Amino acid sequence: MSRRGGMMSESLKAEIAKELGVYNIVENEGWGSVSSRDCGNIVKKAIEMAERNLSNR
């Protein structure tokens, strides 16, 4: 069963995937083909961005 309406926007996920060099997998095969390690790295990067954003307030 998949979750609908996750916490991260599709555009943010795509931006981070591009930074990490895995967006080609997303384009060709979809998010389901991205490895668990790469998904974890995407989440880690998103958390770092959020923490940076909060500390700059």
PDB file of N, CA and C in Angstrom:
ATOM      1  N   MET A   1       0.846  -1.169   0.000  1.00  0.00           N
ATOM      2  CA  MET A   1       0.000   0.000   0.000  1.00  0.00           C
ATOM      3  C   MET A   1       0.897   1.240   0.000  1.00  0.00           C
ATOM      4  N   SER A   2       0.644   2.146  -0.903  1.00  0.00           N
ATOM      5  CA  SER A   2       1.471   3.346  -0.970  1.00  0.00           C
ATOM      6  C   SER A   2       0.764   4.522  -0.304  1.00  0.00           C
ATOM      7  N   ARG A   3       1.568   5.428   0.200  1.00  0.00           N
ATOM      8  CA  ARG A   3       1.019   6.646   0.807  1.00  0.00           C
ATOM      9  C   ARG A   3       0.746   7.660  -0.269  1.00  0.00           C
ATOM     10  N   ARG A   4      -0.307   8.376  -0.124  1.00  0.00           N
ATOM     11  CA  ARG A   4      -0.638   9.451  -1.059  1.00  0.00           C
ATOM     12  C   ARG A   4      -0.410  10.789  -0.362  1.00  0.00           C
ATOM     13  N   GLY A   5       0.041  11.763  -1.131  1.00  0.00           N
ATOM     14  CA  GLY A   5       0.214  13.099  -0.561  1.00  0.00           C
ATOM     15  C   GLY A   5       1.303  13.169   0.481  1.00  0.00           C
ATOM     16  N   GLY A   6       2.543  12.832   0.095  1.00  0.00           N
ATOM     17  CA  GLY A   6       3.656  12.860   1.016  1.00  0.00           C
ATOM     18  C   GLY A   6       3.975  14.264   1.506  1.00  0.00           C
ATOM     19  N   MET A   7       4.964  14.358   2.341  1.00  0.00           N
ATOM     20  CA  MET A   7       5.333  15.628   2.952  1.00  0.00           C
ATOM     21  C   MET A   7       6.130  16.529   2.007  1.00  0.00           C
ATOM     22  N   MET A   8       6.868  15.939   1.085  1.00  0.00           N
ATOM     23  CA  MET A   8       7.706  16.708   0.174  1.00  0.00           C
ATOM     24  C   MET A   8       6.995  16.903  -1.157  1.00  0.00           C
ATOM     25  N   SER A   9       7.114  18.085  -1.708  1.00  0.00           N
ATOM     26  CA  SER A   9       6.521  18.330  -3.026  1.00  0.00           C
ATOM     27  C   SER A   9       7.325  17.575  -4.089  1.00  0.00           C
ATOM     28  N   GLU A  10       6.655  17.285  -5.182  1.00  0.00           N
ATOM     29  CA  GLU A  10       7.327  16.602  -6.292  1.00  0.00           C
ATOM     30  C   GLU A  10       8.477  17.445  -6.834  1.00  0.00           C
ATOM     31  N   SER A  11       8.292  18.752  -6.870  1.00  0.00           N
ATOM     32  CA  SER A  11       9.350  19.618  -7.404  1.00  0.00           C
ATOM     33  C   SER A  11      10.586  19.609  -6.502  1.00  0.00           C
ATOM     34  N   LEU A  12      10.389  19.574  -5.189  1.00  0.00           N
ATOM     35  CA  LEU A  12      11.523  19.510  -4.266  1.00  0.00           C
ATOM     36  C   LEU A  12      12.248  18.176  -4.403  1.00  0.00           C
ATOM     37  N   LYS A  13      11.478  17.087  -4.472  1.00  0.00           N
ATOM     38  CA  LYS A  13      12.107  15.771  -4.657  1.00  0.00           C
ATOM     39  C   LYS A  13      12.907  15.731  -5.952  1.00  0.00           C
ATOM     40  N   ALA A  14      12.353  16.279  -7.020  1.00  0.00           N
ATOM     41  CA  ALA A  14      13.045  16.280  -8.307  1.00  0.00           C
ATOM     42  C   ALA A  14      14.318  17.118  -8.241  1.00  0.00           C
ATOM     43  N   GLU A  15      14.234  18.278  -7.591  1.00  0.00           N
ATOM     44  CA  GLU A  15      15.410  19.151  -7.453  1.00  0.00           C
ATOM     45  C   GLU A  15      16.538  18.433  -6.717  1.00  0.00           C
ATOM     46  N   ILE A  16      16.202  17.779  -5.623  1.00  0.00           N
ATOM     47  CA  ILE A  16      17.219  17.076  -4.838  1.00  0.00           C
ATOM     48  C   ILE A  16      17.756  15.875  -5.611  1.00  0.00           C
ATOM     49  N   ALA A  17      16.870  15.155  -6.297  1.00  0.00           N
ATOM     50  CA  ALA A  17      17.309  14.006  -7.100  1.00  0.00           C
ATOM     51  C   ALA A  17      18.298  14.451  -8.178  1.00  0.00           C
ATOM     52  N   LYS A  18      18.051  15.611  -8.775  1.00  0.00           N
ATOM     53  CA  LYS A  18      18.978  16.146  -9.777  1.00  0.00           C
ATOM     54  C   LYS A  18      20.322  16.458  -9.145  1.00  0.00           C
ATOM     55  N   GLU A  19      20.303  17.085  -7.959  1.00  0.00           N
ATOM     56  CA  GLU A  19      21.552  17.402  -7.249  1.00  0.00           C
ATOM     57  C   GLU A  19      22.351  16.147  -6.946  1.00  0.00           C
ATOM     58  N   LEU A  20      21.651  15.066  -6.596  1.00  0.00           N
ATOM     59  CA  LEU A  20      22.323  13.829  -6.206  1.00  0.00           C
ATOM     60  C   LEU A  20      22.617  12.914  -7.395  1.00  0.00           C
ATOM     61  N   GLY A  21      22.167  13.317  -8.580  1.00  0.00           N
ATOM     62  CA  GLY A  21      22.479  12.543  -9.782  1.00  0.00           C
ATOM     63  C   GLY A  21      21.624  11.314  -9.998  1.00  0.00           C
ATOM     64  N   VAL A  22      20.442  11.261  -9.414  1.00  0.00           N
ATOM     65  CA  VAL A  22      19.577  10.086  -9.594  1.00  0.00           C
ATOM     66  C   VAL A  22      18.289  10.412 -10.348  1.00  0.00           C
ATOM     67  N   TYR A  23      18.175  11.641 -10.839  1.00  0.00           N
ATOM     68  CA  TYR A  23      16.941  12.029 -11.511  1.00  0.00           C
ATOM     69  C   TYR A  23      16.716  11.261 -12.807  1.00  0.00           C
ATOM     70  N   ASN A  24      17.798  10.835 -13.459  1.00  0.00           N
ATOM     71  CA  ASN A  24      17.648  10.057 -14.689  1.00  0.00           C
ATOM     72  C   ASN A  24      16.891   8.756 -14.436  1.00  0.00           C
ATOM     73  N   ILE A  25      17.076   8.155 -13.272  1.00  0.00           N
ATOM     74  CA  ILE A  25      16.335   6.945 -12.907  1.00  0.00           C
ATOM     75  C   ILE A  25      14.855   7.279 -12.761  1.00  0.00           C
ATOM     76  N   VAL A  26      14.556   8.396 -12.116  1.00  0.00           N
ATOM     77  CA  VAL A  26      13.173   8.824 -11.920  1.00  0.00           C
ATOM     78  C   VAL A  26      12.504   9.055 -13.273  1.00  0.00           C
ATOM     79  N   GLU A  27      13.194   9.749 -14.166  1.00  0.00           N
ATOM     80  CA  GLU A  27      12.634  10.032 -15.487  1.00  0.00           C
ATOM     81  C   GLU A  27      12.359   8.765 -16.282  1.00  0.00           C
ATOM     82  N   ASN A  28      13.308   7.839 -16.247  1.00  0.00           N
ATOM     83  CA  ASN A  28      13.208   6.639 -17.075  1.00  0.00           C
ATOM     84  C   ASN A  28      12.334   5.547 -16.471  1.00  0.00           C
ATOM     85  N   GLU A  29      12.368   5.392 -15.143  1.00  0.00           N
ATOM     86  CA  GLU A  29      11.723   4.241 -14.526  1.00  0.00           C
ATOM     87  C   GLU A  29      10.735   4.591 -13.416  1.00  0.00           C
ATOM     88  N   GLY A  30      10.724   5.833 -12.961  1.00  0.00           N
ATOM     89  CA  GLY A  30       9.829   6.247 -11.891  1.00  0.00           C
ATOM     90  C   GLY A  30      10.489   6.160 -10.526  1.00  0.00           C
ATOM     91  N   TRP A  31       9.801   6.731  -9.536  1.00  0.00           N
ATOM     92  CA  TRP A  31      10.340   6.782  -8.175  1.00  0.00           C
ATOM     93  C   TRP A  31      10.516   5.401  -7.568  1.00  0.00           C
ATOM     94  N   GLY A  32       9.723   4.444  -7.992  1.00  0.00           N
ATOM     95  CA  GLY A  32       9.807   3.094  -7.443  1.00  0.00           C
ATOM     96  C   GLY A  32      11.111   2.387  -7.742  1.00  0.00           C
ATOM     97  N   SER A  33      11.846   2.869  -8.718  1.00  0.00           N
ATOM     98  CA  SER A  33      13.112   2.248  -9.096  1.00  0.00           C
ATOM     99  C   SER A  33      14.319   2.881  -8.422  1.00  0.00           C
ATOM    100  N   VAL A  34      14.099   3.947  -7.679  1.00  0.00           N
ATOM    101  CA  VAL A  34      15.201   4.598  -6.972  1.00  0.00           C
ATOM    102  C   VAL A  34      15.552   3.736  -5.758  1.00  0.00           C
ATOM    103  N   SER A  35      16.832   3.490  -5.551  1.00  0.00           N
ATOM    104  CA  SER A  35      17.264   2.623  -4.463  1.00  0.00           C
ATOM    105  C   SER A  35      16.924   3.216  -3.095  1.00  0.00           C
ATOM    106  N   SER A  36      16.818   2.350  -2.119  1.00  0.00           N
ATOM    107  CA  SER A  36      16.539   2.793  -0.753  1.00  0.00           C
ATOM    108  C   SER A  36      17.616   3.745  -0.260  1.00  0.00           C
ATOM    109  N   ARG A  37      18.846   3.464  -0.598  1.00  0.00           N
ATOM    110  CA  ARG A  37      19.956   4.330  -0.186  1.00  0.00           C
ATOM    111  C   ARG A  37      19.784   5.724  -0.774  1.00  0.00           C
ATOM    112  N   ASP A  38      19.455   5.782  -2.067  1.00  0.00           N
ATOM    113  CA  ASP A  38      19.274   7.088  -2.702  1.00  0.00           C
ATOM    114  C   ASP A  38      18.067   7.819  -2.132  1.00  0.00           C
ATOM    115  N   CYS A  39      16.982   7.096  -1.849  1.00  0.00           N
ATOM    116  CA  CYS A  39      15.815   7.722  -1.217  1.00  0.00           C
ATOM    117  C   CYS A  39      16.194   8.284   0.146  1.00  0.00           C
ATOM    118  N   GLY A  40      16.968   7.534   0.894  1.00  0.00           N
ATOM    119  CA  GLY A  40      17.439   8.014   2.192  1.00  0.00           C
ATOM    120  C   GLY A  40      18.277   9.264   2.057  1.00  0.00           C
ATOM    121  N   ASN A  41      19.121   9.303   1.032  1.00  0.00           N
ATOM    122  CA  ASN A  41      19.944  10.497   0.795  1.00  0.00           C
ATOM    123  C   ASN A  41      19.097  11.697   0.411  1.00  0.00           C
ATOM    124  N   ILE A  42      18.013  11.458  -0.329  1.00  0.00           N
ATOM    125  CA  ILE A  42      17.100  12.544  -0.687  1.00  0.00           C
ATOM    126  C   ILE A  42      16.440  13.103   0.569  1.00  0.00           C
ATOM    127  N   VAL A  43      15.986  12.218   1.440  1.00  0.00           N
ATOM    128  CA  VAL A  43      15.352  12.655   2.687  1.00  0.00           C
ATOM    129  C   VAL A  43      16.355  13.400   3.562  1.00  0.00           C
ATOM    130  N   LYS A  44      17.561  12.862   3.657  1.00  0.00           N
ATOM    131  CA  LYS A  44      18.600  13.505   4.462  1.00  0.00           C
ATOM    132  C   LYS A  44      18.878  14.921   3.961  1.00  0.00           C
ATOM    133  N   LYS A  45      18.981  15.076   2.644  1.00  0.00           N
ATOM    134  CA  LYS A  45      19.232  16.390   2.053  1.00  0.00           C
ATOM    135  C   LYS A  45      18.066  17.343   2.324  1.00  0.00           C
ATOM    136  N   ALA A  46      16.828  16.836   2.233  1.00  0.00           N
ATOM    137  CA  ALA A  46      15.650  17.671   2.497  1.00  0.00           C
ATOM    138  C   ALA A  46      15.637  18.133   3.951  1.00  0.00           C
ATOM    139  N   ILE A  47      16.010  17.255   4.866  1.00  0.00           N
ATOM    140  CA  ILE A  47      16.063  17.624   6.289  1.00  0.00           C
ATOM    141  C   ILE A  47      17.132  18.686   6.516  1.00  0.00           C
ATOM    142  N   GLU A  48      18.288  18.526   5.889  1.00  0.00           N
ATOM    143  CA  GLU A  48      19.351  19.526   6.016  1.00  0.00           C
ATOM    144  C   GLU A  48      18.881  20.887   5.499  1.00  0.00           C
ATOM    145  N   MET A  49      18.169  20.876   4.375  1.00  0.00           N
ATOM    146  CA  MET A  49      17.659  22.126   3.812  1.00  0.00           C
ATOM    147  C   MET A  49      16.649  22.779   4.765  1.00  0.00           C
ATOM    148  N   ALA A  50      15.772  21.978   5.348  1.00  0.00           N
ATOM    149  CA  ALA A  50      14.757  22.499   6.276  1.00  0.00           C
ATOM    150  C   ALA A  50      15.418  23.065   7.529  1.00  0.00           C
ATOM    151  N   GLU A  51      16.409  22.360   8.059  1.00  0.00           N
ATOM    152  CA  GLU A  51      17.107  22.834   9.250  1.00  0.00           C
ATOM    153  C   GLU A  51      17.836  24.147   8.970  1.00  0.00           C
ATOM    154  N   ARG A  52      18.463  24.238   7.798  1.00  0.00           N
ATOM    155  CA  ARG A  52      19.142  25.475   7.408  1.00  0.00           C
ATOM    156  C   ARG A  52      18.141  26.622   7.304  1.00  0.00           C
ATOM    157  N   ASN A  53      16.995  26.331   6.720  1.00  0.00           N
ATOM    158  CA  ASN A  53      15.946  27.332   6.560  1.00  0.00           C
ATOM    159  C   ASN A  53      15.452  27.823   7.920  1.00  0.00           C
ATOM    160  N   LEU A  54      15.278  26.912   8.855  1.00  0.00           N
ATOM    161  CA  LEU A  54      14.822  27.292  10.196  1.00  0.00           C
ATOM    162  C   LEU A  54      15.862  28.109  10.955  1.00  0.00           C
ATOM    163  N   SER A  55      17.145  27.766  10.778  1.00  0.00           N
ATOM    164  CA  SER A  55      18.174  28.488  11.506  1.00  0.00           C
ATOM    165  C   SER A  55      18.422  29.889  10.933  1.00  0.00           C
ATOM    166  N   ASN A  56      17.994  30.105   9.683  1.00  0.00           N
ATOM    167  CA  ASN A  56      18.159  31.430   9.060  1.00  0.00           C
ATOM    168  C   ASN A  56      17.039  32.387   9.392  1.00  0.00           C
ATOM    169  N   ARG A  57      16.049  31.946  10.131  1.00  0.00           N
ATOM    170  CA  ARG A  57      14.913  32.812  10.468  1.00  0.00           C
ATOM    171  C   ARG A  57      15.233  33.745  11.582  1.00  0.00           C
TER     172      ARG A  57
END
